[in-house]
Amino acid sequence: DSTVVVGIVTDEGDQSESSVDGLISGSSDDPQPYLDALAEFGFPIVVSVIGPDLQCVDDRCDFECNTGGATATGVKRLMNMAEATGGFYNPITTDECGVSNFGRHFNDLSRLINNL
């Protein structure tokens, strides 16, 4: 069996709740509707994300840089989806709000694929 690896690169996060009849109702960071939809394909799917740098301590979350207008809920949903599928979530920016090192992201992706 093959595993499909989905890569998402965004500075916005997921905004499903803002679309008409969106997949996610309300403000939930639960990725289960996506996981259920992906399961319908009948083969393993791993999701990896390069997205906004959201730092959470307890229930308080703050963005290091938020150039794309992301919401904490939408970013946490992507983080949770990556974790639930065995993928990774890496920040798209550095602490100084510059572009992160994509070489590191490609190395993480290579390790992920080699370990499938």
N, C-alpha and C. Protein backbone atom coordinates (compact mmCIF):
# COMPACT_ATOMS: atom_id res chain seq x y z
N ASP A 1 0.83 -1.20 0.00
CA ASP A 1 0.00 0.00 0.00
C ASP A 1 0.86 1.25 0.00
N SER A 2 0.41 2.22 -0.71
CA SER A 2 1.11 3.49 -0.75
C SER A 2 0.48 4.48 0.22
N THR A 3 1.29 5.41 0.67
CA THR A 3 0.83 6.50 1.52
C THR A 3 0.97 7.79 0.74
N VAL A 4 -0.07 8.59 0.75
CA VAL A 4 -0.05 9.90 0.11
C VAL A 4 0.40 10.92 1.14
N VAL A 5 1.36 11.76 0.77
CA VAL A 5 1.80 12.84 1.65
C VAL A 5 1.29 14.15 1.06
N VAL A 6 0.48 14.85 1.85
CA VAL A 6 -0.05 16.14 1.43
C VAL A 6 0.77 17.23 2.10
N GLY A 7 1.26 18.17 1.33
CA GLY A 7 2.02 19.29 1.87
C GLY A 7 1.22 20.58 1.73
N ILE A 8 1.07 21.29 2.82
CA ILE A 8 0.37 22.57 2.82
C ILE A 8 1.36 23.65 3.22
N VAL A 9 1.47 24.69 2.40
CA VAL A 9 2.31 25.84 2.71
C VAL A 9 1.40 27.05 2.71
N THR A 10 1.28 27.73 3.86
CA THR A 10 0.35 28.84 3.98
C THR A 10 0.82 29.83 5.03
N ASP A 11 0.42 31.07 4.86
CA ASP A 11 0.65 32.06 5.92
C ASP A 11 -0.68 32.44 6.57
N GLU A 12 -1.75 31.70 6.25
CA GLU A 12 -3.08 32.04 6.74
C GLU A 12 -3.68 31.03 7.71
N GLY A 13 -3.38 29.77 7.59
CA GLY A 13 -4.08 28.77 8.37
C GLY A 13 -5.34 28.34 7.65
N ASP A 14 -6.10 27.44 8.26
CA ASP A 14 -7.33 26.93 7.67
C ASP A 14 -8.47 27.89 7.99
N GLN A 15 -9.32 28.15 7.01
CA GLN A 15 -10.43 29.06 7.22
C GLN A 15 -11.75 28.42 6.80
N SER A 16 -11.89 27.13 7.01
CA SER A 16 -13.08 26.41 6.60
C SER A 16 -14.35 26.97 7.21
N GLU A 17 -14.26 27.44 8.45
CA GLU A 17 -15.46 27.93 9.12
C GLU A 17 -16.00 29.21 8.51
N SER A 18 -15.21 29.88 7.68
CA SER A 18 -15.67 31.14 7.09
C SER A 18 -16.32 30.94 5.73
N SER A 19 -16.26 29.74 5.19
CA SER A 19 -16.87 29.51 3.89
C SER A 19 -18.35 29.15 4.06
N VAL A 20 -19.12 29.36 3.01
CA VAL A 20 -20.55 29.04 3.06
C VAL A 20 -20.69 27.54 3.22
N ASP A 21 -21.50 27.13 4.19
CA ASP A 21 -21.65 25.70 4.49
C ASP A 21 -20.30 25.03 4.66
N GLY A 22 -19.41 25.68 5.38
CA GLY A 22 -18.04 25.19 5.56
C GLY A 22 -17.99 23.80 6.16
N LEU A 23 -16.88 23.15 5.95
CA LEU A 23 -16.66 21.80 6.47
C LEU A 23 -16.67 21.81 7.99
N ILE A 24 -16.17 22.87 8.58
CA ILE A 24 -16.11 23.01 10.03
C ILE A 24 -17.17 24.02 10.44
N SER A 25 -18.00 23.66 11.42
CA SER A 25 -18.99 24.63 11.90
C SER A 25 -18.46 25.28 13.17
N GLY A 26 -18.65 26.58 13.27
CA GLY A 26 -18.18 27.30 14.45
C GLY A 26 -16.68 27.43 14.49
N SER A 27 -16.16 27.69 15.66
CA SER A 27 -14.72 27.86 15.84
C SER A 27 -14.17 26.67 16.60
N SER A 28 -13.78 25.65 15.87
CA SER A 28 -13.24 24.44 16.47
C SER A 28 -11.89 24.13 15.84
N ASP A 29 -10.95 23.70 16.67
CA ASP A 29 -9.64 23.30 16.14
C ASP A 29 -9.57 21.79 15.93
N ASP A 30 -10.72 21.13 16.00
CA ASP A 30 -10.80 19.69 15.82
C ASP A 30 -10.68 19.33 14.33
N PRO A 31 -9.68 18.55 13.95
CA PRO A 31 -9.51 18.20 12.54
C PRO A 31 -10.35 16.99 12.11
N GLN A 32 -11.18 16.46 12.99
CA GLN A 32 -11.88 15.21 12.69
C GLN A 32 -12.68 15.23 11.39
N PRO A 33 -13.40 16.30 11.04
CA PRO A 33 -14.10 16.28 9.74
C PRO A 33 -13.15 16.04 8.56
N TYR A 34 -11.95 16.62 8.62
CA TYR A 34 -10.96 16.38 7.57
C TYR A 34 -10.47 14.93 7.61
N LEU A 35 -10.20 14.44 8.80
CA LEU A 35 -9.71 13.07 8.93
C LEU A 35 -10.74 12.08 8.41
N ASP A 36 -12.02 12.33 8.70
CA ASP A 36 -13.09 11.47 8.19
C ASP A 36 -13.14 11.51 6.66
N ALA A 37 -13.00 12.71 6.10
CA ALA A 37 -13.03 12.85 4.63
C ALA A 37 -11.83 12.16 4.00
N LEU A 38 -10.64 12.32 4.59
CA LEU A 38 -9.45 11.66 4.05
C LEU A 38 -9.55 10.15 4.13
N ALA A 39 -10.18 9.64 5.17
CA ALA A 39 -10.34 8.19 5.34
C ALA A 39 -11.19 7.58 4.22
N GLU A 40 -12.05 8.36 3.61
CA GLU A 40 -12.90 7.88 2.52
C GLU A 40 -12.09 7.45 1.30
N PHE A 41 -10.86 7.94 1.17
CA PHE A 41 -10.02 7.54 0.04
C PHE A 41 -9.55 6.10 0.15
N GLY A 42 -9.52 5.56 1.37
CA GLY A 42 -9.18 4.16 1.55
C GLY A 42 -7.71 3.83 1.59
N PHE A 43 -6.86 4.83 1.68
CA PHE A 43 -5.43 4.59 1.83
C PHE A 43 -4.86 5.64 2.78
N PRO A 44 -3.71 5.35 3.38
CA PRO A 44 -3.13 6.29 4.35
C PRO A 44 -2.76 7.63 3.73
N ILE A 45 -3.08 8.70 4.45
CA ILE A 45 -2.72 10.05 4.03
C ILE A 45 -2.06 10.75 5.21
N VAL A 46 -0.89 11.32 4.96
CA VAL A 46 -0.15 12.06 5.96
C VAL A 46 -0.13 13.53 5.54
N VAL A 47 -0.45 14.41 6.47
CA VAL A 47 -0.48 15.85 6.18
C VAL A 47 0.66 16.54 6.91
N SER A 48 1.43 17.31 6.17
CA SER A 48 2.50 18.13 6.75
C SER A 48 2.25 19.57 6.36
N VAL A 49 2.54 20.47 7.28
CA VAL A 49 2.19 21.88 7.08
C VAL A 49 3.39 22.78 7.40
N ILE A 50 3.59 23.77 6.56
CA ILE A 50 4.48 24.89 6.85
C ILE A 50 3.54 26.08 6.96
N GLY A 51 3.36 26.58 8.17
CA GLY A 51 2.34 27.59 8.39
C GLY A 51 2.73 28.62 9.43
N PRO A 52 1.77 29.46 9.80
CA PRO A 52 2.04 30.54 10.75
C PRO A 52 2.63 30.02 12.06
N ASP A 53 3.51 30.83 12.63
CA ASP A 53 4.22 30.47 13.86
C ASP A 53 3.35 30.81 15.07
N LEU A 54 2.55 29.86 15.49
CA LEU A 54 1.66 30.02 16.64
C LEU A 54 2.29 29.33 17.85
N GLN A 55 2.47 30.07 18.90
CA GLN A 55 3.05 29.55 20.15
C GLN A 55 1.96 29.52 21.21
N CYS A 56 1.71 28.34 21.80
CA CYS A 56 0.67 28.20 22.82
C CYS A 56 1.26 27.72 24.14
N VAL A 57 0.86 28.38 25.20
CA VAL A 57 1.19 27.97 26.56
C VAL A 57 -0.13 27.90 27.31
N ASP A 58 -0.45 26.70 27.78
CA ASP A 58 -1.74 26.45 28.39
C ASP A 58 -2.83 26.83 27.37
N ASP A 59 -3.75 27.70 27.73
CA ASP A 59 -4.83 28.08 26.82
C ASP A 59 -4.56 29.39 26.08
N ARG A 60 -3.39 29.97 26.29
CA ARG A 60 -3.06 31.24 25.65
C ARG A 60 -2.16 31.00 24.45
N CYS A 61 -2.59 31.50 23.31
CA CYS A 61 -1.81 31.35 22.08
C CYS A 61 -1.52 32.71 21.47
N ASP A 62 -0.29 32.88 21.00
CA ASP A 62 0.13 34.11 20.36
C ASP A 62 0.93 33.77 19.11
N PHE A 63 0.79 34.65 18.10
CA PHE A 63 1.57 34.49 16.88
C PHE A 63 2.89 35.21 17.03
N GLU A 64 3.95 34.55 16.55
CA GLU A 64 5.26 35.21 16.49
C GLU A 64 5.21 36.25 15.38
N CYS A 65 4.67 35.88 14.25
CA CYS A 65 4.46 36.77 13.10
C CYS A 65 3.15 36.35 12.47
N ASN A 66 2.32 37.29 12.10
CA ASN A 66 1.03 36.94 11.50
C ASN A 66 0.79 37.83 10.28
N THR A 67 1.58 37.61 9.25
CA THR A 67 1.48 38.44 8.05
C THR A 67 0.28 38.09 7.20
N GLY A 68 -0.31 36.91 7.39
CA GLY A 68 -1.42 36.47 6.55
C GLY A 68 -2.78 36.60 7.19
N GLY A 69 -2.86 37.16 8.40
CA GLY A 69 -4.15 37.32 9.05
C GLY A 69 -4.75 36.02 9.55
N ALA A 70 -3.92 35.09 9.95
CA ALA A 70 -4.39 33.78 10.42
C ALA A 70 -5.12 33.90 11.75
N THR A 71 -6.00 32.92 12.00
CA THR A 71 -6.66 32.81 13.30
C THR A 71 -6.00 31.68 14.07
N ALA A 72 -5.97 31.79 15.37
CA ALA A 72 -5.38 30.73 16.20
C ALA A 72 -6.13 29.42 15.99
N THR A 73 -7.45 29.48 15.89
CA THR A 73 -8.25 28.26 15.70
C THR A 73 -7.89 27.57 14.40
N GLY A 74 -7.79 28.33 13.32
CA GLY A 74 -7.46 27.75 12.02
C GLY A 74 -6.07 27.14 11.99
N VAL A 75 -5.12 27.79 12.65
CA VAL A 75 -3.75 27.27 12.69
C VAL A 75 -3.69 26.02 13.57
N LYS A 76 -4.36 26.06 14.72
CA LYS A 76 -4.36 24.88 15.59
C LYS A 76 -5.02 23.69 14.89
N ARG A 77 -6.02 23.95 14.06
CA ARG A 77 -6.65 22.85 13.31
C ARG A 77 -5.64 22.19 12.38
N LEU A 78 -4.83 23.00 11.69
CA LEU A 78 -3.79 22.44 10.83
C LEU A 78 -2.73 21.70 11.65
N MET A 79 -2.35 22.28 12.79
CA MET A 79 -1.38 21.61 13.67
C MET A 79 -1.91 20.25 14.12
N ASN A 80 -3.18 20.23 14.52
CA ASN A 80 -3.79 18.99 15.00
C ASN A 80 -3.93 17.96 13.89
N MET A 81 -4.22 18.41 12.67
CA MET A 81 -4.33 17.48 11.55
C MET A 81 -2.97 16.86 11.24
N ALA A 82 -1.91 17.68 11.25
CA ALA A 82 -0.58 17.15 11.00
C ALA A 82 -0.20 16.12 12.06
N GLU A 83 -0.47 16.46 13.32
CA GLU A 83 -0.15 15.53 14.41
C GLU A 83 -0.96 14.24 14.31
N ALA A 84 -2.24 14.35 14.01
CA ALA A 84 -3.11 13.17 13.95
C ALA A 84 -2.75 12.22 12.82
N THR A 85 -2.15 12.75 11.74
CA THR A 85 -1.82 11.91 10.60
C THR A 85 -0.36 11.47 10.58
N GLY A 86 0.42 11.90 11.57
CA GLY A 86 1.82 11.53 11.62
C GLY A 86 2.72 12.43 10.80
N GLY A 87 2.22 13.59 10.43
CA GLY A 87 3.02 14.55 9.67
C GLY A 87 3.74 15.50 10.60
N PHE A 88 4.11 16.66 10.08
CA PHE A 88 4.80 17.66 10.90
C PHE A 88 4.20 19.03 10.63
N TYR A 89 4.43 19.95 11.55
CA TYR A 89 4.05 21.35 11.40
C TYR A 89 5.27 22.19 11.70
N ASN A 90 5.71 22.97 10.71
CA ASN A 90 6.87 23.85 10.88
C ASN A 90 6.44 25.29 10.62
N PRO A 91 7.02 26.24 11.35
CA PRO A 91 6.68 27.65 11.12
C PRO A 91 7.25 28.17 9.80
N ILE A 92 6.46 29.02 9.14
CA ILE A 92 6.86 29.58 7.85
C ILE A 92 7.78 30.79 8.03
N THR A 93 7.82 31.34 9.25
CA THR A 93 8.65 32.52 9.51
C THR A 93 9.65 32.23 10.62
N THR A 94 10.65 33.11 10.72
CA THR A 94 11.62 33.04 11.81
C THR A 94 11.16 33.94 12.95
N ASP A 95 11.89 33.94 14.05
CA ASP A 95 11.55 34.81 15.18
C ASP A 95 11.57 36.29 14.79
N GLU A 96 12.34 36.63 13.78
CA GLU A 96 12.45 38.03 13.33
C GLU A 96 11.46 38.34 12.21
N CYS A 97 10.51 37.45 11.98
CA CYS A 97 9.48 37.61 10.94
C CYS A 97 10.04 37.50 9.52
N GLY A 98 11.20 36.90 9.38
CA GLY A 98 11.73 36.62 8.04
C GLY A 98 11.25 35.25 7.58
N VAL A 99 11.58 34.89 6.37
CA VAL A 99 11.21 33.59 5.83
C VAL A 99 12.06 32.52 6.49
N SER A 100 11.42 31.45 6.93
CA SER A 100 12.15 30.38 7.60
C SER A 100 13.02 29.60 6.61
N ASN A 101 13.84 28.73 7.13
CA ASN A 101 14.78 27.94 6.34
C ASN A 101 14.05 26.77 5.69
N PHE A 102 13.74 26.91 4.42
CA PHE A 102 13.01 25.85 3.73
C PHE A 102 13.86 24.60 3.54
N GLY A 103 15.17 24.72 3.63
CA GLY A 103 16.02 23.54 3.60
C GLY A 103 15.66 22.60 4.74
N ARG A 104 15.40 23.16 5.92
CA ARG A 104 14.98 22.36 7.08
C ARG A 104 13.65 21.67 6.80
N HIS A 105 12.72 22.40 6.19
CA HIS A 105 11.42 21.82 5.89
C HIS A 105 11.56 20.65 4.90
N PHE A 106 12.40 20.84 3.88
CA PHE A 106 12.62 19.77 2.91
C PHE A 106 13.29 18.57 3.56
N ASN A 107 14.22 18.82 4.49
CA ASN A 107 14.84 17.71 5.22
C ASN A 107 13.80 16.95 6.04
N ASP A 108 12.91 17.68 6.71
CA ASP A 108 11.84 17.03 7.48
C ASP A 108 10.95 16.21 6.56
N LEU A 109 10.63 16.75 5.39
CA LEU A 109 9.79 16.03 4.44
C LEU A 109 10.50 14.78 3.93
N SER A 110 11.80 14.88 3.66
CA SER A 110 12.57 13.72 3.21
C SER A 110 12.59 12.63 4.27
N ARG A 111 12.81 13.01 5.53
CA ARG A 111 12.80 12.02 6.61
C ARG A 111 11.43 11.36 6.74
N LEU A 112 10.39 12.17 6.62
CA LEU A 112 9.04 11.62 6.71
C LEU A 112 8.80 10.58 5.63
N ILE A 113 9.13 10.93 4.40
CA ILE A 113 8.90 10.01 3.28
C ILE A 113 9.77 8.76 3.41
N ASN A 114 11.02 8.91 3.85
CA ASN A 114 11.90 7.75 3.98
C ASN A 114 11.44 6.80 5.08
N ASN A 115 10.69 7.32 6.04
CA ASN A 115 10.23 6.48 7.15
C ASN A 115 8.83 5.92 6.98
N LEU A 116 8.24 6.12 5.82
CA LEU A 116 6.89 5.58 5.59
C LEU A 116 6.95 4.08 5.33
